[in-house]
PDB file of N, CA and C in Angstrom:
ATOM      1  N   MET A   1     -20.314 -15.000 -15.694  1.00  0.00           N
ATOM      2  CA  MET A   1     -20.175 -15.207 -14.419  1.00  0.00           C
ATOM      3  C   MET A   1     -20.312 -14.152 -13.534  1.00  0.00           C
ATOM      4  N   LYS A   2     -21.402 -14.286 -12.648  1.00  0.00           N
ATOM      5  CA  LYS A   2     -21.479 -13.308 -11.575  1.00  0.00           C
ATOM      6  C   LYS A   2     -21.218 -13.493 -10.187  1.00  0.00           C
ATOM      7  N   PRO A   3     -20.587 -12.294  -9.473  1.00  0.00           N
ATOM      8  CA  PRO A   3     -19.949 -12.560  -8.249  1.00  0.00           C
ATOM      9  C   PRO A   3     -20.980 -13.165  -7.339  1.00  0.00           C
ATOM     10  N   ILE A   4     -20.675 -13.971  -6.451  1.00  0.00           N
ATOM     11  CA  ILE A   4     -21.615 -14.413  -5.130  1.00  0.00           C
ATOM     12  C   ILE A   4     -21.549 -13.405  -3.907  1.00  0.00           C
ATOM     13  N   PHE A   5     -20.481 -12.692  -3.730  1.00  0.00           N
ATOM     14  CA  PHE A   5     -20.213 -11.637  -2.653  1.00  0.00           C
ATOM     15  C   PHE A   5     -20.516 -10.307  -3.278  1.00  0.00           C
ATOM     16  N   SER A   6     -20.761  -9.329  -2.178  1.00  0.00           N
ATOM     17  CA  SER A   6     -20.783  -7.952  -2.691  1.00  0.00           C
ATOM     18  C   SER A   6     -19.111  -7.363  -2.820  1.00  0.00           C
ATOM     19  N   ALA A   7     -18.981  -6.462  -3.538  1.00  0.00           N
ATOM     20  CA  ALA A   7     -17.534  -5.948  -4.082  1.00  0.00           C
ATOM     21  C   ALA A   7     -16.737  -5.350  -2.640  1.00  0.00           C
ATOM     22  N   LEU A   8     -17.727  -4.931  -1.493  1.00  0.00           N
ATOM     23  CA  LEU A   8     -17.227  -4.537  -0.132  1.00  0.00           C
ATOM     24  C   LEU A   8     -16.699  -5.764   0.521  1.00  0.00           C
ATOM     25  N   ASN A   9     -17.312  -6.754   0.238  1.00  0.00           N
ATOM     26  CA  ASN A   9     -16.974  -8.296   1.173  1.00  0.00           C
ATOM     27  C   ASN A   9     -15.645  -8.820   0.375  1.00  0.00           C
ATOM     28  N   ALA A  10     -15.825  -8.851  -0.799  1.00  0.00           N
ATOM     29  CA  ALA A  10     -14.574  -9.425  -1.429  1.00  0.00           C
ATOM     30  C   ALA A  10     -13.653  -8.758  -1.057  1.00  0.00           C
ATOM     31  N   TRP A  11     -13.383  -7.378  -1.203  1.00  0.00           N
ATOM     32  CA  TRP A  11     -12.088  -6.505  -1.241  1.00  0.00           C
ATOM     33  C   TRP A  11     -11.482  -6.544   0.204  1.00  0.00           C
ATOM     34  N   SER A  12     -12.396  -6.620   1.196  1.00  0.00           N
ATOM     35  CA  SER A  12     -12.395  -6.727   2.550  1.00  0.00           C
ATOM     36  C   SER A  12     -11.480  -8.083   2.740  1.00  0.00           C
ATOM     37  N   CYS A  13     -12.025  -9.210   2.224  1.00  0.00           N
ATOM     38  CA  CYS A  13     -11.425 -10.510   2.352  1.00  0.00           C
ATOM     39  C   CYS A  13      -9.966 -10.353   1.541  1.00  0.00           C
ATOM     40  N   VAL A  14      -9.852  -9.869   0.511  1.00  0.00           N
ATOM     41  CA  VAL A  14      -8.508  -9.828  -0.064  1.00  0.00           C
ATOM     42  C   VAL A  14      -7.459  -9.018   1.014  1.00  0.00           C
ATOM     43  N   VAL A  15      -8.057  -8.080   1.489  1.00  0.00           N
ATOM     44  CA  VAL A  15      -7.020  -7.294   2.184  1.00  0.00           C
ATOM     45  C   VAL A  15      -6.900  -8.137   3.506  1.00  0.00           C
ATOM     46  N   ILE A  16      -7.835  -8.681   4.268  1.00  0.00           N
ATOM     47  CA  ILE A  16      -7.580  -9.622   5.506  1.00  0.00           C
ATOM     48  C   ILE A  16      -6.582 -10.636   5.152  1.00  0.00           C
ATOM     49  N   SER A  17      -7.158 -11.373   4.084  1.00  0.00           N
ATOM     50  CA  SER A  17      -6.450 -12.599   4.042  1.00  0.00           C
ATOM     51  C   SER A  17      -4.892 -12.431   3.457  1.00  0.00           C
ATOM     52  N   PHE A  18      -4.623 -11.268   2.615  1.00  0.00           N
ATOM     53  CA  PHE A  18      -3.086 -11.107   2.361  1.00  0.00           C
ATOM     54  C   PHE A  18      -2.447 -10.555   3.649  1.00  0.00           C
ATOM     55  N   PHE A  19      -2.837 -10.051   4.437  1.00  0.00           N
ATOM     56  CA  PHE A  19      -2.119  -9.569   5.873  1.00  0.00           C
ATOM     57  C   PHE A  19      -1.628 -10.800   6.652  1.00  0.00           C
ATOM     58  N   ALA A  20      -2.877 -11.683   6.647  1.00  0.00           N
ATOM     59  CA  ALA A  20      -3.035 -13.092   7.537  1.00  0.00           C
ATOM     60  C   ALA A  20      -1.832 -13.856   7.035  1.00  0.00           C
ATOM     61  N   VAL A  21      -1.754 -14.042   5.343  1.00  0.00           N
ATOM     62  CA  VAL A  21      -0.810 -14.909   4.996  1.00  0.00           C
ATOM     63  C   VAL A  21       0.534 -14.245   5.144  1.00  0.00           C
ATOM     64  N   ILE A  22       0.793 -13.080   5.428  1.00  0.00           N
ATOM     65  CA  ILE A  22       2.195 -12.432   6.033  1.00  0.00           C
ATOM     66  C   ILE A  22       2.369 -12.887   7.259  1.00  0.00           C
ATOM     67  N   ILE A  23       1.451 -12.020   8.185  1.00  0.00           N
ATOM     68  CA  ILE A  23       1.746 -12.325   9.373  1.00  0.00           C
ATOM     69  C   ILE A  23       2.032 -14.048   9.840  1.00  0.00           C
ATOM     70  N   LEU A  24       1.139 -14.714   9.402  1.00  0.00           N
ATOM     71  CA  LEU A  24       1.361 -16.122   9.689  1.00  0.00           C
ATOM     72  C   LEU A  24       2.557 -16.848   9.184  1.00  0.00           C
ATOM     73  N   SER A  25       3.021 -16.366   8.209  1.00  0.00           N
ATOM     74  CA  SER A  25       4.189 -16.746   7.580  1.00  0.00           C
ATOM     75  C   SER A  25       5.490 -16.371   8.308  1.00  0.00           C
ATOM     76  N   ILE A  26       5.228 -15.092   9.034  1.00  0.00           N
ATOM     77  CA  ILE A  26       6.256 -14.773   9.711  1.00  0.00           C
ATOM     78  C   ILE A  26       6.452 -15.814  11.139  1.00  0.00           C
ATOM     79  N   LEU A  27       5.172 -15.564  11.505  1.00  0.00           N
ATOM     80  CA  LEU A  27       5.330 -16.416  12.912  1.00  0.00           C
ATOM     81  C   LEU A  27       5.580 -17.924  12.631  1.00  0.00           C
ATOM     82  N   GLY A  28       5.116 -18.679  11.405  1.00  0.00           N
ATOM     83  CA  GLY A  28       5.382 -19.773  11.345  1.00  0.00           C
ATOM     84  C   GLY A  28       6.828 -20.290  11.197  1.00  0.00           C
ATOM     85  N   SER A  29       7.581 -19.050  10.325  1.00  0.00           N
ATOM     86  CA  SER A  29       8.872 -19.300  10.288  1.00  0.00           C
ATOM     87  C   SER A  29       9.855 -19.156  11.803  1.00  0.00           C
ATOM     88  N   LEU A  30       9.134 -18.067  12.626  1.00  0.00           N
ATOM     89  CA  LEU A  30       9.719 -18.165  13.730  1.00  0.00           C
ATOM     90  C   LEU A  30       9.620 -19.620  14.696  1.00  0.00           C
ATOM     91  N   TYR A  31       8.550 -20.044  14.641  1.00  0.00           N
ATOM     92  CA  TYR A  31       8.105 -21.326  15.364  1.00  0.00           C
ATOM     93  C   TYR A  31       9.052 -22.411  14.797  1.00  0.00           C
ATOM     94  N   ASN A  32       9.437 -22.250  13.285  1.00  0.00           N
ATOM     95  CA  ASN A  32       9.844 -23.429  12.735  1.00  0.00           C
ATOM     96  C   ASN A  32      11.383 -23.397  12.869  1.00  0.00           C
ATOM     97  N   SER A  33      12.104 -22.356  13.470  1.00  0.00           N
ATOM     98  CA  SER A  33      13.263 -22.082  13.519  1.00  0.00           C
ATOM     99  C   SER A  33      13.661 -22.115  15.206  1.00  0.00           C
ATOM    100  N   ASN A  34      12.635 -22.325  15.985  1.00  0.00           N
ATOM    101  CA  ASN A  34      12.636 -22.430  17.611  1.00  0.00           C
ATOM    102  C   ASN A  34      13.214 -21.360  17.984  1.00  0.00           C
ATOM    103  N   HIS A  35      12.613 -20.380  17.300  1.00  0.00           N
ATOM    104  CA  HIS A  35      13.269 -18.971  18.137  1.00  0.00           C
ATOM    105  C   HIS A  35      13.078 -18.651  19.448  1.00  0.00           C
ATOM    106  N   PRO A  36      13.859 -18.252  20.219  1.00  0.00           N
ATOM    107  CA  PRO A  36      13.893 -18.509  21.756  1.00  0.00           C
ATOM    108  C   PRO A  36      12.807 -17.534  22.353  1.00  0.00           C
ATOM    109  N   ALA A  37      12.340 -16.677  21.584  1.00  0.00           N
ATOM    110  CA  ALA A  37      11.457 -15.981  22.117  1.00  0.00           C
ATOM    111  C   ALA A  37       9.986 -16.344  22.039  1.00  0.00           C
ATOM    112  N   PHE A  38       9.724 -17.436  21.393  1.00  0.00           N
ATOM    113  CA  PHE A  38       8.678 -17.926  21.057  1.00  0.00           C
ATOM    114  C   PHE A  38       8.742 -19.515  21.463  1.00  0.00           C
ATOM    115  N   THR A  39       9.580 -20.084  21.970  1.00  0.00           N
ATOM    116  CA  THR A  39       9.873 -21.503  22.324  1.00  0.00           C
ATOM    117  C   THR A  39      10.761 -21.641  23.887  1.00  0.00           C
ATOM    118  N   GLY A  40      11.394 -20.679  24.081  1.00  0.00           N
ATOM    119  CA  GLY A  40      12.357 -20.533  25.308  1.00  0.00           C
ATOM    120  C   GLY A  40      11.794 -20.220  26.751  1.00  0.00           C
ATOM    121  N   SER A  41      10.618 -20.245  26.920  1.00  0.00           N
ATOM    122  CA  SER A  41      10.401 -19.988  28.357  1.00  0.00           C
ATOM    123  C   SER A  41       9.127 -21.267  28.647  1.00  0.00           C
ATOM    124  N   GLU A  42       8.767 -21.043  29.969  1.00  0.00           N
ATOM    125  CA  GLU A  42       7.814 -22.009  30.445  1.00  0.00           C
ATOM    126  C   GLU A  42       6.568 -21.916  29.625  1.00  0.00           C
ATOM    127  N   GLY A  43       5.498 -22.934  29.920  1.00  0.00           N
ATOM    128  CA  GLY A  43       4.292 -22.722  29.119  1.00  0.00           C
ATOM    129  C   GLY A  43       4.123 -22.478  27.656  1.00  0.00           C
ATOM    130  N   THR A  44       5.445 -22.528  27.101  1.00  0.00           N
ATOM    131  CA  THR A  44       5.183 -22.585  25.249  1.00  0.00           C
ATOM    132  C   THR A  44       5.771 -23.724  24.673  1.00  0.00           C
ATOM    133  N   PRO A  45       5.376 -24.021  23.725  1.00  0.00           N
ATOM    134  CA  PRO A  45       5.570 -25.410  23.352  1.00  0.00           C
ATOM    135  C   PRO A  45       6.978 -25.440  23.056  1.00  0.00           C
ATOM    136  N   GLU A  46       7.356 -26.933  23.157  1.00  0.00           N
ATOM    137  CA  GLU A  46       8.629 -27.131  23.150  1.00  0.00           C
ATOM    138  C   GLU A  46       9.176 -27.649  21.740  1.00  0.00           C
ATOM    139  N   ASP A  47       8.228 -28.186  20.990  1.00  0.00           N
ATOM    140  CA  ASP A  47       8.704 -28.626  19.502  1.00  0.00           C
ATOM    141  C   ASP A  47       7.917 -27.492  18.608  1.00  0.00           C
ATOM    142  N   GLY A  48       8.866 -26.465  18.349  1.00  0.00           N
ATOM    143  CA  GLY A  48       8.129 -25.394  17.262  1.00  0.00           C
ATOM    144  C   GLY A  48       7.656 -25.761  15.913  1.00  0.00           C
ATOM    145  N   THR A  49       8.442 -26.899  15.696  1.00  0.00           N
ATOM    146  CA  THR A  49       8.280 -27.609  14.356  1.00  0.00           C
ATOM    147  C   THR A  49       6.873 -27.875  13.797  1.00  0.00           C
ATOM    148  N   VAL A  50       6.216 -28.515  15.090  1.00  0.00           N
ATOM    149  CA  VAL A  50       4.518 -28.959  15.109  1.00  0.00           C
ATOM    150  C   VAL A  50       3.956 -27.666  15.077  1.00  0.00           C
ATOM    151  N   VAL A  51       4.294 -26.881  15.868  1.00  0.00           N
ATOM    152  CA  VAL A  51       3.047 -25.473  15.562  1.00  0.00           C
ATOM    153  C   VAL A  51       3.505 -24.890  14.566  1.00  0.00           C
ATOM    154  N   ALA A  52       4.402 -24.896  13.877  1.00  0.00           N
ATOM    155  CA  ALA A  52       4.796 -24.077  12.627  1.00  0.00           C
ATOM    156  C   ALA A  52       3.862 -24.896  11.561  1.00  0.00           C
ATOM    157  N   GLY A  53       4.105 -26.184  11.675  1.00  0.00           N
ATOM    158  CA  GLY A  53       3.227 -26.875  10.709  1.00  0.00           C
ATOM    159  C   GLY A  53       1.755 -26.542  10.862  1.00  0.00           C
ATOM    160  N   SER A  54       1.034 -26.406  11.811  1.00  0.00           N
ATOM    161  CA  SER A  54      -0.300 -26.005  11.997  1.00  0.00           C
ATOM    162  C   SER A  54      -0.581 -24.486  11.542  1.00  0.00           C
ATOM    163  N   ILE A  55       0.491 -23.783  11.442  1.00  0.00           N
ATOM    164  CA  ILE A  55       0.567 -22.075  11.236  1.00  0.00           C
ATOM    165  C   ILE A  55       0.346 -22.181   9.735  1.00  0.00           C
ATOM    166  N   PHE A  56       1.412 -23.017   9.169  1.00  0.00           N
ATOM    167  CA  PHE A  56       1.432 -22.940   7.549  1.00  0.00           C
ATOM    168  C   PHE A  56       0.276 -23.732   6.951  1.00  0.00           C
ATOM    169  N   THR A  57      -0.352 -24.711   7.867  1.00  0.00           N
ATOM    170  CA  THR A  57      -1.792 -25.122   7.211  1.00  0.00           C
ATOM    171  C   THR A  57      -2.831 -23.902   7.119  1.00  0.00           C
ATOM    172  N   ALA A  58      -2.659 -22.878   8.028  1.00  0.00           N
ATOM    173  CA  ALA A  58      -3.618 -22.056   8.420  1.00  0.00           C
ATOM    174  C   ALA A  58      -3.093 -20.936   7.041  1.00  0.00           C
ATOM    175  N   VAL A  59      -1.783 -20.790   6.963  1.00  0.00           N
ATOM    176  CA  VAL A  59      -1.685 -19.945   5.546  1.00  0.00           C
ATOM    177  C   VAL A  59      -1.799 -20.336   4.315  1.00  0.00           C
ATOM    178  N   ILE A  60      -1.996 -21.677   4.109  1.00  0.00           N
ATOM    179  CA  ILE A  60      -2.647 -22.178   3.210  1.00  0.00           C
ATOM    180  C   ILE A  60      -3.925 -21.996   2.729  1.00  0.00           C
ATOM    181  N   ILE A  61      -5.086 -22.307   4.036  1.00  0.00           N
ATOM    182  CA  ILE A  61      -6.143 -21.768   3.901  1.00  0.00           C
ATOM    183  C   ILE A  61      -6.429 -20.392   3.569  1.00  0.00           C
ATOM    184  N   TYR A  62      -5.639 -19.609   4.215  1.00  0.00           N
ATOM    185  CA  TYR A  62      -5.781 -18.103   3.883  1.00  0.00           C
ATOM    186  C   TYR A  62      -5.339 -17.677   2.459  1.00  0.00           C
ATOM    187  N   ALA A  63      -4.677 -18.290   2.077  1.00  0.00           N
ATOM    188  CA  ALA A  63      -4.115 -18.315   0.631  1.00  0.00           C
ATOM    189  C   ALA A  63      -5.308 -18.656  -0.513  1.00  0.00           C
ATOM    190  N   GLY A  64      -5.730 -19.793  -0.095  1.00  0.00           N
ATOM    191  CA  GLY A  64      -6.977 -20.260  -0.690  1.00  0.00           C
ATOM    192  C   GLY A  64      -8.215 -19.140  -0.642  1.00  0.00           C
ATOM    193  N   PHE A  65      -8.388 -18.417   0.525  1.00  0.00           N
ATOM    194  CA  PHE A  65      -9.257 -17.251   0.633  1.00  0.00           C
ATOM    195  C   PHE A  65      -8.756 -16.390  -0.323  1.00  0.00           C
ATOM    196  N   PHE A  66      -7.741 -15.883  -0.061  1.00  0.00           N
ATOM    197  CA  PHE A  66      -7.069 -14.768  -1.060  1.00  0.00           C
ATOM    198  C   PHE A  66      -7.430 -14.864  -2.044  1.00  0.00           C
ATOM    199  N   VAL A  67      -7.060 -16.295  -2.937  1.00  0.00           N
ATOM    200  CA  VAL A  67      -7.644 -16.521  -4.531  1.00  0.00           C
ATOM    201  C   VAL A  67      -8.935 -16.273  -4.887  1.00  0.00           C
ATOM    202  N   PHE A  68      -9.581 -16.952  -4.128  1.00  0.00           N
ATOM    203  CA  PHE A  68     -11.296 -16.846  -4.171  1.00  0.00           C
ATOM    204  C   PHE A  68     -11.797 -15.380  -4.086  1.00  0.00           C
ATOM    205  N   CYS A  69     -11.355 -14.824  -3.074  1.00  0.00           N
ATOM    206  CA  CYS A  69     -11.559 -13.393  -2.951  1.00  0.00           C
ATOM    207  C   CYS A  69     -11.520 -12.499  -4.133  1.00  0.00           C
ATOM    208  N   ALA A  70     -10.303 -12.698  -4.491  1.00  0.00           N
ATOM    209  CA  ALA A  70      -9.523 -11.838  -5.642  1.00  0.00           C
ATOM    210  C   ALA A  70     -10.357 -12.013  -6.630  1.00  0.00           C
ATOM    211  N   PHE A  71     -10.728 -13.359  -6.859  1.00  0.00           N
ATOM    212  CA  PHE A  71     -11.672 -13.763  -7.969  1.00  0.00           C
ATOM    213  C   PHE A  71     -12.925 -13.002  -8.094  1.00  0.00           C
ATOM    214  N   GLN A  72     -13.646 -13.085  -6.925  1.00  0.00           N
ATOM    215  CA  GLN A  72     -14.906 -12.230  -6.909  1.00  0.00           C
ATOM    216  C   GLN A  72     -14.748 -10.829  -7.140  1.00  0.00           C
ATOM    217  N   ALA A  73     -13.493 -10.273  -6.835  1.00  0.00           N
ATOM    218  CA  ALA A  73     -13.368  -8.653  -6.709  1.00  0.00           C
ATOM    219  C   ALA A  73     -13.137  -8.404  -8.205  1.00  0.00           C
ATOM    220  N   TYR A  74     -12.415  -9.279  -8.774  1.00  0.00           N
ATOM    221  CA  TYR A  74     -12.106  -9.206 -10.520  1.00  0.00           C
ATOM    222  C   TYR A  74     -13.338  -9.085 -10.998  1.00  0.00           C
ATOM    223  N   LEU A  75     -14.363 -10.065 -10.675  1.00  0.00           N
ATOM    224  CA  LEU A  75     -15.445 -10.047 -11.514  1.00  0.00           C
ATOM    225  C   LEU A  75     -16.468  -8.886 -11.124  1.00  0.00           C
ATOM    226  N   HIS A  76     -16.294  -8.242  -9.898  1.00  0.00           N
ATOM    227  CA  HIS A  76     -17.048  -6.769  -9.899  1.00  0.00           C
ATOM    228  C   HIS A  76     -16.276  -5.830 -10.772  1.00  0.00           C
ATOM    229  N   VAL A  77     -15.127  -5.806 -10.869  1.00  0.00           N
ATOM    230  CA  VAL A  77     -14.448  -5.038 -11.594  1.00  0.00           C
ATOM    231  C   VAL A  77     -14.726  -5.030 -13.065  1.00  0.00           C
ATOM    232  N   ARG A  78     -14.598  -6.425 -13.524  1.00  0.00           N
ATOM    233  CA  ARG A  78     -15.201  -6.621 -14.928  1.00  0.00           C
ATOM    234  C   ARG A  78     -16.478  -5.956 -15.295  1.00  0.00           C
ATOM    235  N   ALA A  79     -17.372  -6.207 -14.160  1.00  0.00           N
ATOM    236  CA  ALA A  79     -18.761  -5.912 -14.514  1.00  0.00           C
ATOM    237  C   ALA A  79     -18.960  -4.599 -14.627  1.00  0.00           C
ATOM    238  N   ASN A  80     -18.173  -3.556 -13.558  1.00  0.00           N
ATOM    239  CA  ASN A  80     -18.392  -2.299 -13.832  1.00  0.00           C
ATOM    240  C   ASN A  80     -17.570  -1.617 -14.995  1.00  0.00           C
ATOM    241  N   ARG A  81     -16.768  -2.110 -15.398  1.00  0.00           N
ATOM    242  CA  ARG A  81     -16.145  -1.825 -16.711  1.00  0.00           C
ATOM    243  C   ARG A  81     -17.286  -1.753 -17.943  1.00  0.00           C
ATOM    244  N   ARG A  82     -17.914  -2.892 -17.835  1.00  0.00           N
ATOM    245  CA  ARG A  82     -18.881  -3.079 -18.956  1.00  0.00           C
ATOM    246  C   ARG A  82     -20.034  -2.268 -19.001  1.00  0.00           C
ATOM    247  N   GLY A  83     -20.425  -1.651 -17.620  1.00  0.00           N
ATOM    248  CA  GLY A  83     -21.471  -0.721 -17.802  1.00  0.00           C
ATOM    249  C   GLY A  83     -22.680  -1.619 -17.473  1.00  0.00           C
ATOM    250  N   VAL A  84     -22.888  -2.801 -16.882  1.00  0.00           N
ATOM    251  CA  VAL A  84     -23.918  -3.485 -16.974  1.00  0.00           C
ATOM    252  C   VAL A  84     -24.573  -3.106 -15.468  1.00  0.00           C
ATOM    253  N   ILE A  85     -25.875  -3.102 -16.106  1.00  0.00           N
ATOM    254  CA  ILE A  85     -27.163  -2.625 -14.927  1.00  0.00           C
ATOM    255  C   ILE A  85     -27.682  -3.974 -14.672  1.00  0.00           C
ATOM    256  N   SER A  86     -27.628  -4.005 -13.371  1.00  0.00           N
ATOM    257  CA  SER A  86     -28.110  -5.343 -12.791  1.00  0.00           C
ATOM    258  C   SER A  86     -29.649  -4.817 -11.950  1.00  0.00           C
ATOM    259  N   LEU A  87     -30.878  -5.429 -12.112  1.00  0.00           N
ATOM    260  CA  LEU A  87     -31.863  -5.129 -11.606  1.00  0.00           C
ATOM    261  C   LEU A  87     -32.391  -6.368 -10.536  1.00  0.00           C
ATOM    262  N   ASN A  88     -31.354  -7.096  -9.682  1.00  0.00           N
ATOM    263  CA  ASN A  88     -31.588  -7.846  -9.020  1.00  0.00           C
ATOM    264  C   ASN A  88     -32.226  -7.378  -7.614  1.00  0.00           C
TER     265      ASN A  88
END
């Protein structure tokens, strides 16, 4: 199987998706617990659990990106180990 994206794009996506999952999980947890810093002042959502649900949906999407991009990066690593020369 050949990779669809370049190695740089695949590894960049892996790193960005990894940090997005971590950061959004923390934010989702804070909204889910109705942390006063996020839900205690005017102009902020009153029901933090609804916001947390949206954030956790984004976490699932970024986790999917992480898996897909990690597989693309693995294909590049595997191709480089075999010494495959591509004339594309």
